[in-house]
């Protein structure tokens, strides 16, 4: 039992895939010289998930709640959709404990079809706060992306939160803001510049020989060896969301 919990904690701490658990325990059984120890370690993927959900998670969550008791903290919120197309609300808390800054997951809440509005999201948040016996009056900071449902000035999660605690310091996501600035600046650049950058990446990425020539050229001029990166469009969809 103790060994299973230790391995389950290892999986959580280092973000190990649950599919790997079957192989980790098998290797450990092969390495143990004591047959009693090897036979007692019986941990597969399903059992590991059960140990994490039903044993480790409640203990860790209770510890976080006890550290938050009567203590100022900040919240960080974001919406996401998993592979099963289920919308989720992620709630993180950040606080100072024993002279160190900690950031922990407070809860992940499923968002139903009628709960995607600002009022619905804030209702889910309040239920989470009440169930975990956390005081909204202890919240000193709030951070989220720049979507209107989270940061709008008329009706948003921010406006509902400030009604309950007007002393909260609100900060939008710096990464989103910087990206919006970069997108606005890039619109002033001729489109052929972006096409040139993309073509340069494509020219070198498809040919190991060309990459070697590039490295030799950099070495000849005594420059730092750098790789040509692809112009990323990862945040393009998220940027459009922020503009809505």
Protein backbone atom coordinates (compact mmCIF):
# COMPACT_ATOMS: atom_id res chain seq x y z
CA UNK A 1 0.00 0.00 0.00
CA UNK A 2 2.75 2.47 0.96
CA UNK A 3 4.79 1.65 -2.14
CA UNK A 4 1.75 2.17 -4.38
CA UNK A 5 1.13 5.58 -2.85
CA UNK A 6 4.77 6.57 -3.30
CA UNK A 7 4.69 5.62 -6.96
CA UNK A 8 1.37 7.44 -7.43
CA UNK A 9 2.89 10.55 -5.85
CA UNK A 10 5.86 10.22 -8.21
CA UNK A 11 3.49 10.20 -11.19
CA UNK A 12 1.75 13.36 -9.98
CA UNK A 13 4.92 15.25 -9.03
CA UNK A 14 6.71 14.68 -12.34
CA UNK A 15 3.72 14.70 -14.74
CA UNK A 16 4.34 11.11 -15.81
CA UNK A 17 1.86 9.56 -18.23
CA UNK A 18 -0.49 7.03 -16.66
CA UNK A 19 0.35 4.66 -19.50
CA UNK A 20 3.92 4.56 -18.21
CA UNK A 21 2.90 3.29 -14.77
CA UNK A 22 2.54 -0.30 -15.99
CA UNK A 23 6.16 -0.32 -17.17
CA UNK A 24 7.59 1.52 -14.15
CA UNK A 25 6.20 -1.00 -11.69
CA UNK A 26 7.31 -3.90 -13.90
CA UNK A 27 10.90 -2.63 -13.97
CA UNK A 28 10.84 -2.13 -10.20
CA UNK A 29 9.61 -5.69 -9.69
CA UNK A 30 12.46 -6.99 -11.83
CA UNK A 31 15.00 -4.95 -9.84
CA UNK A 32 13.81 -6.06 -6.39
CA UNK A 33 15.83 -8.98 -5.05
CA UNK A 34 13.32 -9.70 -2.30
CA UNK A 35 10.47 -11.73 -3.84
CA UNK A 36 8.07 -10.57 -1.13
CA UNK A 37 8.66 -6.92 -2.05
CA UNK A 38 8.29 -7.51 -5.77
CA UNK A 39 5.06 -9.45 -5.36
CA UNK A 40 3.57 -6.82 -3.03
CA UNK A 41 3.98 -4.01 -5.59
CA UNK A 42 0.84 -4.22 -7.69
CA UNK A 43 0.13 -0.89 -9.34
CA UNK A 44 -1.38 -0.45 -12.77
CA UNK A 45 -2.81 2.56 -14.56
CA UNK A 46 -6.37 2.29 -13.20
CA UNK A 47 -5.21 1.70 -9.65
CA UNK A 48 -2.76 4.62 -9.87
CA UNK A 49 -5.53 6.97 -11.05
CA UNK A 50 -7.76 5.79 -8.21
CA UNK A 51 -5.01 6.35 -5.62
CA UNK A 52 -4.39 9.87 -6.91
CA UNK A 53 -8.07 10.87 -7.02
CA UNK A 54 -9.28 9.26 -3.82
CA UNK A 55 -6.23 9.32 -1.53
CA UNK A 56 -3.54 11.83 -2.53
CA UNK A 57 -5.74 14.60 -3.99
CA UNK A 58 -7.96 15.08 -0.89
CA UNK A 59 -4.93 15.17 1.41
CA UNK A 60 -3.08 17.72 -0.74
CA UNK A 61 -6.22 19.84 -1.13
CA UNK A 62 -6.84 19.88 2.63
CA UNK A 63 -3.26 21.04 3.14
CA UNK A 64 -3.74 23.89 0.65
CA UNK A 65 -6.99 24.96 2.31
CA UNK A 66 -5.34 24.98 5.74
CA UNK A 67 -2.52 27.17 4.38
CA UNK A 68 -5.05 29.59 2.89
CA UNK A 69 -6.98 30.00 6.14
CA UNK A 70 -7.13 33.68 7.18
CA UNK A 71 -4.40 34.53 4.68
CA UNK A 72 -4.43 36.92 1.69
CA UNK A 73 -4.06 35.22 -1.68
CA UNK A 74 -4.51 35.80 -5.40
CA UNK A 75 -6.54 33.79 -7.89
CA UNK A 76 -5.70 32.89 -11.49
CA UNK A 77 -8.52 31.65 -13.73
CA UNK A 78 -8.75 30.30 -17.24
CA UNK A 79 -11.17 28.32 -19.39
CA UNK A 80 -10.08 25.34 -21.42
CA UNK A 81 -11.52 22.49 -23.47
CA UNK A 82 -10.12 18.98 -23.12
CA UNK A 83 -9.88 16.23 -25.74
CA UNK A 84 -13.44 15.08 -25.02
CA UNK A 85 -14.69 18.59 -25.90
CA UNK A 86 -15.61 19.28 -22.28
CA UNK A 87 -15.26 22.90 -21.14
CA UNK A 88 -13.43 23.34 -17.85
CA UNK A 89 -12.76 26.22 -15.48
CA UNK A 90 -9.31 26.05 -13.89
CA UNK A 91 -8.82 27.91 -10.59
CA UNK A 92 -5.31 28.49 -9.25
CA UNK A 93 -4.37 30.18 -5.98
CA UNK A 94 -1.12 31.98 -5.25
CA UNK A 95 -0.05 32.89 -1.75
CA UNK A 96 2.93 33.24 0.55
CA UNK A 97 3.63 30.45 3.01
CA UNK A 98 6.72 30.24 5.20
CA UNK A 99 8.45 33.01 3.22
CA UNK A 100 7.96 31.25 -0.13
CA UNK A 101 5.49 31.94 -2.93
CA UNK A 102 3.25 28.99 -3.73
CA UNK A 103 0.93 28.43 -6.67
CA UNK A 104 -1.49 25.51 -6.44
CA UNK A 105 -4.53 24.17 -8.21
CA UNK A 106 -7.63 24.78 -6.12
CA UNK A 107 -10.16 23.12 -8.41
CA UNK A 108 -11.09 22.21 -11.99
CA UNK A 109 -14.81 22.62 -12.61
CA UNK A 110 -16.86 21.36 -15.52
CA UNK A 111 -18.73 24.13 -17.35
CA UNK A 112 -22.18 23.15 -18.58
CA UNK A 113 -23.83 24.65 -21.66
CA UNK A 114 -25.74 27.30 -19.68
CA UNK A 115 -22.80 28.25 -17.45
CA UNK A 116 -20.46 29.80 -20.02
CA UNK A 117 -21.60 33.35 -19.28
CA UNK A 118 -19.87 35.71 -16.85
CA UNK A 119 -22.62 35.15 -14.28
CA UNK A 120 -22.45 31.37 -14.72
CA UNK A 121 -18.67 31.25 -14.34
CA UNK A 122 -18.76 33.42 -11.25
CA UNK A 123 -21.50 31.22 -9.77
CA UNK A 124 -19.27 28.17 -10.26
CA UNK A 125 -16.38 30.03 -8.64
CA UNK A 126 -18.45 31.04 -5.62
CA UNK A 127 -19.63 27.46 -5.11
CA UNK A 128 -15.99 26.35 -5.18
CA UNK A 129 -14.98 29.01 -2.67
CA UNK A 130 -17.84 28.20 -0.29
CA UNK A 131 -17.27 24.43 -0.48
CA UNK A 132 -13.59 24.90 0.32
CA UNK A 133 -14.31 27.37 3.14
CA UNK A 134 -12.26 30.12 1.55
CA UNK A 135 -13.20 33.77 2.10
CA UNK A 136 -13.60 36.02 -0.95
CA UNK A 137 -12.64 38.95 1.28
CA UNK A 138 -9.15 37.44 1.56
CA UNK A 139 -8.58 37.65 -2.19
CA UNK A 140 -6.16 40.48 -3.00
CA UNK A 141 -5.45 39.84 -6.68
CA UNK A 142 -7.15 38.43 -9.77
CA UNK A 143 -5.55 37.46 -13.08
CA UNK A 144 -7.03 35.95 -16.22
CA UNK A 145 -6.84 36.22 -19.99
CA UNK A 146 -8.22 39.28 -21.74
CA UNK A 147 -11.45 37.67 -22.96
CA UNK A 148 -14.48 39.93 -22.46
CA UNK A 149 -16.28 37.30 -20.38
CA UNK A 150 -13.39 37.41 -17.89
CA UNK A 151 -12.19 41.01 -18.09
CA UNK A 152 -14.97 43.09 -19.67
CA UNK A 153 -15.93 46.40 -18.06
CA UNK A 154 -19.71 45.99 -18.38
CA UNK A 155 -20.55 42.44 -17.34
CA UNK A 156 -17.80 39.95 -16.72
CA UNK A 157 -16.28 37.72 -14.10
CA UNK A 158 -14.24 40.74 -13.01
CA UNK A 159 -17.26 42.96 -12.40
CA UNK A 160 -19.02 40.29 -10.31
CA UNK A 161 -15.85 39.68 -8.31
CA UNK A 162 -15.32 43.39 -7.63
CA UNK A 163 -18.89 43.69 -6.36
CA UNK A 164 -18.08 41.19 -3.61
CA UNK A 165 -14.60 42.57 -2.96
CA UNK A 166 -13.84 46.01 -4.46
CA UNK A 167 -10.30 46.01 -3.04
CA UNK A 168 -8.98 43.32 -5.40
CA UNK A 169 -6.14 44.27 -7.75
CA UNK A 170 -6.99 43.10 -11.28
CA UNK A 171 -4.31 42.21 -13.82
CA UNK A 172 -4.82 40.87 -17.31
CA UNK A 173 -2.47 38.22 -18.64
CA UNK A 174 0.78 39.93 -19.66
CA UNK A 175 1.45 37.30 -22.32
CA UNK A 176 -1.90 37.95 -23.98
CA UNK A 177 -1.38 41.71 -23.84
CA UNK A 178 2.12 41.45 -25.31
CA UNK A 179 0.81 39.20 -28.06
CA UNK A 180 -1.95 41.67 -28.96
CA UNK A 181 0.65 44.44 -29.15
CA UNK A 182 2.86 42.29 -31.39
CA UNK A 183 -0.07 41.43 -33.66
CA UNK A 184 -1.02 45.11 -34.02
CA UNK A 185 2.59 46.00 -34.79
CA UNK A 186 2.93 43.15 -37.30
CA UNK A 187 -0.06 44.48 -39.25
CA UNK A 188 2.07 47.50 -40.20
CA UNK A 189 4.70 45.26 -41.77
CA UNK A 190 4.25 44.29 -45.45
CA UNK A 191 2.91 40.77 -45.89
CA UNK A 192 5.88 39.74 -48.03
CA UNK A 193 8.16 40.05 -44.97
CA UNK A 194 6.23 37.33 -43.15
CA UNK A 195 6.24 35.21 -46.29
CA UNK A 196 10.02 35.62 -46.55
CA UNK A 197 10.50 34.44 -42.94
CA UNK A 198 8.27 31.43 -43.53
CA UNK A 199 10.08 30.55 -46.76
CA UNK A 200 13.48 30.79 -45.04
CA UNK A 201 12.35 28.33 -42.38
CA UNK A 202 10.90 25.95 -44.97
CA UNK A 203 14.07 26.13 -47.08
CA UNK A 204 16.32 24.95 -44.25
CA UNK A 205 13.96 22.71 -42.29
CA UNK A 206 13.40 20.22 -45.12
CA UNK A 207 17.10 19.68 -45.82
CA UNK A 208 19.71 18.45 -43.30
CA UNK A 209 22.39 19.33 -45.88
CA UNK A 210 21.32 22.97 -45.97
CA UNK A 211 21.32 23.05 -42.15
CA UNK A 212 24.90 21.80 -42.14
CA UNK A 213 25.90 24.50 -44.64
CA UNK A 214 24.25 27.12 -42.44
CA UNK A 215 26.18 25.88 -39.40
CA UNK A 216 29.45 25.93 -41.34
CA UNK A 217 28.73 29.49 -42.45
CA UNK A 218 28.04 30.59 -38.88
CA UNK A 219 31.20 28.87 -37.69
CA UNK A 220 33.24 30.56 -40.45
CA UNK A 221 32.05 34.01 -39.34
CA UNK A 222 32.57 32.97 -35.67
CA UNK A 223 28.93 33.53 -34.87
CA UNK A 224 26.79 31.65 -32.39
CA UNK A 225 25.20 28.61 -34.00
CA UNK A 226 21.48 29.34 -34.19
CA UNK A 227 18.60 27.51 -35.79
CA UNK A 228 15.98 29.27 -37.90
CA UNK A 229 12.67 29.05 -36.09
CA UNK A 230 9.27 28.76 -37.69
CA UNK A 231 7.04 31.86 -37.40
CA UNK A 232 4.57 30.66 -34.77
CA UNK A 233 0.82 31.05 -35.06
CA UNK A 234 0.02 29.21 -31.83
CA UNK A 235 -1.72 32.12 -30.13
CA UNK A 236 -3.61 33.38 -33.18
CA UNK A 237 -6.93 31.76 -32.21
CA UNK A 238 -6.55 32.86 -28.61
CA UNK A 239 -5.87 36.41 -29.79
CA UNK A 240 -9.14 36.48 -31.69
CA UNK A 241 -10.90 35.32 -28.55
CA UNK A 242 -9.40 38.21 -26.61
CA UNK A 243 -10.67 40.67 -29.21
CA UNK A 244 -14.27 39.49 -28.92
